[in-house]
């Protein structure tokens, strides 16, 4: 219980203390993480910090900030603590078995959008299959940008599917998004204009050397791509043609050094590389394939 003789902490004081503690622990983006934590758990905004830095923060909110800072200092990612992350302008809830969507994956959305819009203009709709949907990030970003599109999100995890459906409802996209439990294409029937995936692509032996925020908090099943990191691409390439409309595309996120290997895998299954996109860091991040002529 807070000592009644002690003045409650101020917003500016909480922000400064949070920044200092995270920076001293060597956490990257200490200032941003502190701000996100303080704003979320105190119910304040950046405008409040500028206009009313001396406003008192109630004891219950200050305690929640303290608990969140301790979790961050222990290595838990800030967005896991908040329970959500922004992706392509959408606020997406996270859960235990969902990969935290990251800015690099927005490149995959950018890779699909022109084709999805052109398909709608030509055919009146665009059917999207999102393999390994997780939070639903990629599918829901595409639906938000292309109102005539529909999407099926596929995952092996019940937790992930429930989270994707929740996000679709929260974003007002539930009427155009459906979820299906399937091990890749095993339970999928019909054909789609777009098959898209951000699959697991970390080589199994590399998982132990990832940043602790990823290694200890992202689901291993969403990271582990097998011995060489390419198992999921082989699975997708082997069956994609049976589920793709004539003229459709397969769009994939890849690890920054995997472009040539993934292209060879798909070439062996009758696909030609149509486009390669780089992320904001300049790394090759998304590949688009079409059936070879």
Protein backbone atom coordinates (compact mmCIF):
# COMPACT_ATOMS: atom_id res chain seq x y z
CA UNK A 1 0.00 0.00 0.00
CA UNK A 2 1.30 3.44 -0.90
CA UNK A 3 2.44 5.62 2.02
CA UNK A 4 -0.20 8.39 2.28
CA UNK A 5 2.55 10.84 3.24
CA UNK A 6 4.36 10.25 -0.04
CA UNK A 7 3.22 12.22 -3.09
CA UNK A 8 2.00 10.00 -5.94
CA UNK A 9 4.43 9.62 -8.84
CA UNK A 10 4.07 11.96 -11.77
CA UNK A 11 3.76 10.96 -15.39
CA UNK A 12 7.12 12.54 -16.20
CA UNK A 13 8.73 10.80 -13.25
CA UNK A 14 7.45 7.37 -14.29
CA UNK A 15 8.63 7.90 -17.86
CA UNK A 16 12.09 9.03 -16.80
CA UNK A 17 12.53 6.20 -14.31
CA UNK A 18 11.33 3.62 -16.84
CA UNK A 19 13.70 4.89 -19.53
CA UNK A 20 16.64 4.85 -17.13
CA UNK A 21 16.01 1.36 -15.81
CA UNK A 22 15.55 -0.18 -19.26
CA UNK A 23 18.57 1.65 -20.68
CA UNK A 24 20.77 0.54 -17.78
CA UNK A 25 19.73 -3.05 -18.50
CA UNK A 26 20.94 -2.66 -22.09
CA UNK A 27 17.50 -2.93 -23.67
CA UNK A 28 17.29 -1.55 -27.18
CA UNK A 29 14.66 1.15 -27.71
CA UNK A 30 14.50 1.72 -23.95
CA UNK A 31 12.79 5.09 -24.38
CA UNK A 32 10.12 3.71 -26.71
CA UNK A 33 9.44 0.65 -24.56
CA UNK A 34 9.16 2.78 -21.42
CA UNK A 35 6.75 5.14 -23.13
CA UNK A 36 4.56 2.32 -24.44
CA UNK A 37 4.40 0.70 -21.01
CA UNK A 38 3.69 3.89 -19.09
CA UNK A 39 1.08 5.15 -21.53
CA UNK A 40 -0.74 1.83 -21.71
CA UNK A 41 -0.91 1.07 -18.01
CA UNK A 42 -1.53 4.64 -16.90
CA UNK A 43 -4.13 5.35 -19.57
CA UNK A 44 -2.24 8.41 -20.81
CA UNK A 45 -0.96 9.61 -24.18
CA UNK A 46 2.07 11.33 -25.63
CA UNK A 47 0.06 14.55 -25.61
CA UNK A 48 -0.43 14.16 -21.84
CA UNK A 49 3.31 13.75 -21.33
CA UNK A 50 3.93 17.02 -23.17
CA UNK A 51 1.03 19.10 -21.86
CA UNK A 52 0.69 17.68 -18.33
CA UNK A 53 3.99 16.04 -17.34
CA UNK A 54 3.40 16.72 -13.64
CA UNK A 55 0.00 15.05 -13.49
CA UNK A 56 -0.12 12.45 -10.70
CA UNK A 57 -0.48 8.80 -11.61
CA UNK A 58 -2.77 6.76 -9.31
CA UNK A 59 -1.11 4.10 -7.18
CA UNK A 60 -2.86 1.22 -8.94
CA UNK A 61 -1.67 2.42 -12.35
CA UNK A 62 1.85 3.03 -11.04
CA UNK A 63 1.92 -0.52 -9.66
CA UNK A 64 0.82 -1.91 -13.03
CA UNK A 65 3.62 0.06 -14.71
CA UNK A 66 6.11 -1.37 -12.20
CA UNK A 67 4.98 -4.93 -12.86
CA UNK A 68 5.25 -4.39 -16.62
CA UNK A 69 8.75 -2.91 -16.32
CA UNK A 70 9.88 -5.94 -14.32
CA UNK A 71 8.57 -8.23 -17.06
CA UNK A 72 10.41 -6.21 -19.71
CA UNK A 73 13.62 -6.28 -17.66
CA UNK A 74 13.25 -10.07 -17.49
CA UNK A 75 13.27 -10.22 -21.29
CA UNK A 76 9.59 -10.33 -22.19
CA UNK A 77 8.93 -8.28 -25.35
CA UNK A 78 7.03 -5.08 -24.78
CA UNK A 79 4.18 -6.00 -27.12
CA UNK A 80 3.70 -9.34 -25.38
CA UNK A 81 3.32 -7.36 -22.16
CA UNK A 82 0.79 -5.01 -23.75
CA UNK A 83 -1.04 -7.93 -25.37
CA UNK A 84 -1.24 -6.39 -28.84
CA UNK A 85 0.84 -5.00 -31.68
CA UNK A 86 0.18 -2.63 -34.54
CA UNK A 87 0.60 -4.10 -38.02
CA UNK A 88 -0.17 -2.31 -41.27
CA UNK A 89 -2.19 0.20 -39.29
CA UNK A 90 -4.24 -2.51 -37.56
CA UNK A 91 -4.22 -3.30 -33.85
CA UNK A 92 -3.85 -7.05 -33.43
CA UNK A 93 -4.22 -9.04 -30.23
CA UNK A 94 -1.42 -11.51 -29.46
CA UNK A 95 -1.62 -14.85 -27.71
CA UNK A 96 0.76 -17.55 -26.52
CA UNK A 97 0.82 -19.49 -29.78
CA UNK A 98 0.94 -16.58 -32.23
CA UNK A 99 4.06 -15.09 -33.72
CA UNK A 100 4.37 -11.39 -32.96
CA UNK A 101 3.84 -9.66 -36.33
CA UNK A 102 6.79 -7.47 -37.25
CA UNK A 103 7.32 -4.57 -39.67
CA UNK A 104 9.35 -6.70 -42.10
CA UNK A 105 6.23 -8.78 -42.79
CA UNK A 106 4.45 -5.68 -44.09
CA UNK A 107 6.63 -6.22 -47.18
CA UNK A 108 4.66 -9.40 -47.84
CA UNK A 109 1.40 -7.46 -47.77
CA UNK A 110 2.88 -4.91 -50.18
CA UNK A 111 3.85 -7.77 -52.50
CA UNK A 112 0.26 -9.06 -52.74
CA UNK A 113 -1.79 -5.86 -52.76
CA UNK A 114 -1.38 -4.86 -56.45
CA UNK A 115 -2.35 -8.34 -57.62
CA UNK A 116 -5.32 -8.54 -55.23
CA UNK A 117 -6.64 -5.18 -56.41
CA UNK A 118 -6.16 -6.10 -60.07
CA UNK A 119 -7.94 -9.41 -59.51
CA UNK A 120 -10.92 -7.64 -57.94
CA UNK A 121 -11.04 -5.18 -60.85
CA UNK A 122 -11.01 -8.08 -63.33
CA UNK A 123 -13.04 -10.77 -61.58
CA UNK A 124 -15.04 -8.92 -58.93
CA UNK A 125 -13.44 -10.77 -56.02
CA UNK A 126 -10.13 -12.14 -54.78
CA UNK A 127 -9.91 -15.30 -52.68
CA UNK A 128 -6.88 -15.46 -50.40
CA UNK A 129 -5.46 -18.44 -48.53
CA UNK A 130 -3.14 -17.45 -45.67
CA UNK A 131 -1.08 -20.44 -44.54
CA UNK A 132 0.15 -20.25 -40.94
CA UNK A 133 -2.07 -17.26 -40.26
CA UNK A 134 -1.14 -16.76 -36.58
CA UNK A 135 -2.76 -13.50 -35.49
CA UNK A 136 -4.30 -13.19 -38.96
CA UNK A 137 -1.97 -10.26 -39.63
CA UNK A 138 -1.32 -10.73 -43.34
CA UNK A 139 -4.83 -11.83 -44.28
CA UNK A 140 -6.52 -9.09 -42.27
CA UNK A 141 -4.22 -6.39 -43.62
CA UNK A 142 -5.13 -7.48 -47.15
CA UNK A 143 -8.86 -7.57 -46.36
CA UNK A 144 -8.67 -4.12 -44.81
CA UNK A 145 -7.06 -2.73 -47.96
CA UNK A 146 -9.19 -4.66 -50.49
CA UNK A 147 -12.88 -4.57 -49.45
CA UNK A 148 -13.99 -7.09 -52.10
CA UNK A 149 -11.48 -9.75 -51.04
CA UNK A 150 -12.14 -12.74 -48.79
CA UNK A 151 -9.59 -14.80 -46.88
CA UNK A 152 -9.20 -18.16 -45.19
CA UNK A 153 -6.64 -18.25 -42.41
CA UNK A 154 -5.02 -21.64 -41.87
CA UNK A 155 -3.13 -22.75 -38.79
CA UNK A 156 -2.38 -25.93 -36.87
CA UNK A 157 -2.89 -24.15 -33.54
CA UNK A 158 -6.35 -23.76 -32.01
CA UNK A 159 -5.04 -20.83 -29.95
CA UNK A 160 -3.81 -19.03 -33.06
CA UNK A 161 -7.07 -19.61 -34.93
CA UNK A 162 -9.09 -18.25 -32.00
CA UNK A 163 -6.84 -15.19 -31.88
CA UNK A 164 -7.15 -14.58 -35.62
CA UNK A 165 -10.95 -14.81 -35.41
CA UNK A 166 -10.97 -12.41 -32.47
CA UNK A 167 -8.87 -9.94 -34.44
CA UNK A 168 -11.15 -10.25 -37.45
CA UNK A 169 -14.18 -9.50 -35.25
CA UNK A 170 -12.48 -6.56 -33.54
CA UNK A 171 -11.54 -5.07 -36.90
CA UNK A 172 -14.99 -5.55 -38.43
CA UNK A 173 -13.66 -8.08 -40.96
CA UNK A 174 -15.27 -11.27 -39.63
CA UNK A 175 -17.76 -11.50 -42.50
CA UNK A 176 -14.88 -11.89 -44.98
CA UNK A 177 -12.48 -13.97 -42.90
CA UNK A 178 -12.77 -17.64 -42.00
CA UNK A 179 -10.37 -19.83 -40.02
CA UNK A 180 -9.53 -23.46 -40.68
CA UNK A 181 -7.38 -25.88 -38.72
CA UNK A 182 -5.05 -27.67 -41.10
CA UNK A 183 -1.48 -28.89 -41.39
CA UNK A 184 -0.64 -26.75 -44.42
CA UNK A 185 -2.96 -27.96 -47.24
CA UNK A 186 -4.12 -31.19 -45.57
CA UNK A 187 -7.67 -29.95 -44.87
CA UNK A 188 -7.90 -27.36 -47.63
CA UNK A 189 -10.19 -27.76 -50.63
CA UNK A 190 -10.90 -25.47 -53.55
CA UNK A 191 -8.78 -22.92 -55.34
CA UNK A 192 -7.61 -19.42 -54.51
CA UNK A 193 -6.32 -16.43 -56.43
CA UNK A 194 -3.60 -15.84 -53.82
CA UNK A 195 -1.73 -18.26 -51.56
CA UNK A 196 0.30 -16.29 -49.05
CA UNK A 197 2.45 -17.37 -46.14
CA UNK A 198 4.97 -16.19 -43.59
CA UNK A 199 6.11 -19.71 -42.68
CA UNK A 200 8.68 -20.89 -40.12
CA UNK A 201 12.10 -20.38 -41.74
CA UNK A 202 14.71 -20.40 -38.97
CA UNK A 203 17.08 -23.40 -39.15
CA UNK A 204 16.47 -25.55 -36.08
CA UNK A 205 20.04 -25.22 -34.82
CA UNK A 206 19.83 -21.41 -34.96
CA UNK A 207 16.84 -21.03 -32.66
CA UNK A 208 19.00 -21.22 -29.54
CA UNK A 209 21.04 -18.18 -30.62
CA UNK A 210 18.11 -15.89 -31.42
CA UNK A 211 17.47 -12.81 -29.29
CA UNK A 212 15.93 -13.86 -25.99
CA UNK A 213 12.77 -11.88 -26.77
CA UNK A 214 12.20 -14.15 -29.78
CA UNK A 215 13.72 -17.39 -28.48
CA UNK A 216 11.89 -17.38 -25.16
CA UNK A 217 8.56 -15.82 -26.12
CA UNK A 218 7.65 -16.53 -29.76
CA UNK A 219 6.19 -20.03 -30.30
CA UNK A 220 8.93 -22.39 -31.48
CA UNK A 221 6.54 -24.03 -33.95
CA UNK A 222 6.23 -20.68 -35.75
CA UNK A 223 10.01 -20.30 -35.96
CA UNK A 224 11.45 -23.78 -36.61
CA UNK A 225 11.88 -24.37 -40.34
CA UNK A 226 13.66 -27.70 -39.98
CA UNK A 227 17.33 -28.52 -40.41
CA UNK A 228 17.92 -25.99 -43.20
CA UNK A 229 14.96 -23.68 -42.51
CA UNK A 230 13.25 -24.66 -45.76
CA UNK A 231 10.83 -27.45 -44.78
CA UNK A 232 7.72 -25.26 -44.99
CA UNK A 233 8.63 -23.99 -48.47
CA UNK A 234 8.89 -27.59 -49.69
CA UNK A 235 5.45 -28.36 -48.23
CA UNK A 236 3.87 -25.31 -49.84
CA UNK A 237 5.56 -25.78 -53.22
CA UNK A 238 4.51 -29.43 -53.42
CA UNK A 239 0.78 -28.73 -53.21
CA UNK A 240 0.26 -25.07 -54.19
CA UNK A 241 -0.62 -25.75 -57.82
CA UNK A 242 -3.60 -27.90 -56.81
CA UNK A 243 -5.09 -24.99 -54.86
CA UNK A 244 -4.25 -22.07 -57.13
CA UNK A 245 -6.56 -20.50 -59.70
CA UNK A 246 -5.18 -20.13 -63.22
CA UNK A 247 -3.08 -16.97 -63.21
CA UNK A 248 -2.87 -16.91 -59.42
CA UNK A 249 0.19 -16.18 -57.30
CA UNK A 250 2.05 -17.65 -54.35
CA UNK A 251 3.62 -14.97 -52.13
CA UNK A 252 6.04 -15.85 -49.34
CA UNK A 253 8.11 -14.19 -46.68
CA UNK A 254 11.66 -15.55 -46.56
CA UNK A 255 14.78 -15.26 -44.45
CA UNK A 256 17.14 -12.63 -45.84
CA UNK A 257 19.56 -15.19 -47.35
CA UNK A 258 17.04 -17.76 -48.61
CA UNK A 259 15.91 -16.22 -51.88
CA UNK A 260 17.89 -18.43 -54.26
CA UNK A 261 17.10 -21.62 -52.36
CA UNK A 262 13.35 -20.95 -52.18
CA UNK A 263 13.30 -20.00 -55.86
CA UNK A 264 14.92 -23.34 -56.75
CA UNK A 265 12.39 -25.23 -54.65
CA UNK A 266 9.48 -23.58 -56.45
CA UNK A 267 11.11 -23.88 -59.88
CA UNK A 268 11.27 -27.61 -59.28
CA UNK A 269 7.50 -27.60 -58.85
CA UNK A 270 6.76 -25.61 -62.00
CA UNK A 271 6.76 -22.05 -60.65
CA UNK A 272 8.65 -19.03 -61.91
CA UNK A 273 9.75 -16.10 -59.76
CA UNK A 274 7.64 -13.09 -60.69
CA UNK A 275 8.85 -10.51 -58.19
CA UNK A 276 11.21 -10.03 -55.25
CA UNK A 277 10.69 -7.27 -52.68
CA UNK A 278 13.09 -5.91 -50.08
CA UNK A 279 12.20 -4.76 -46.58
CA UNK A 280 13.06 -1.38 -45.04
CA UNK A 281 16.48 -2.73 -44.06
CA UNK A 282 17.27 -3.55 -47.69
CA UNK A 283 17.01 -7.32 -47.21
CA UNK A 284 15.24 -9.58 -49.67
CA UNK A 285 12.05 -10.40 -47.75
CA UNK A 286 9.13 -11.39 -50.02
CA UNK A 287 8.98 -13.52 -53.16
CA UNK A 288 6.05 -13.81 -55.59
CA UNK A 289 5.70 -16.90 -57.80
CA UNK A 290 3.46 -17.71 -60.74
CA UNK A 291 2.99 -20.99 -62.55
CA UNK A 292 5.63 -21.18 -65.29
CA UNK A 293 4.35 -20.84 -68.86
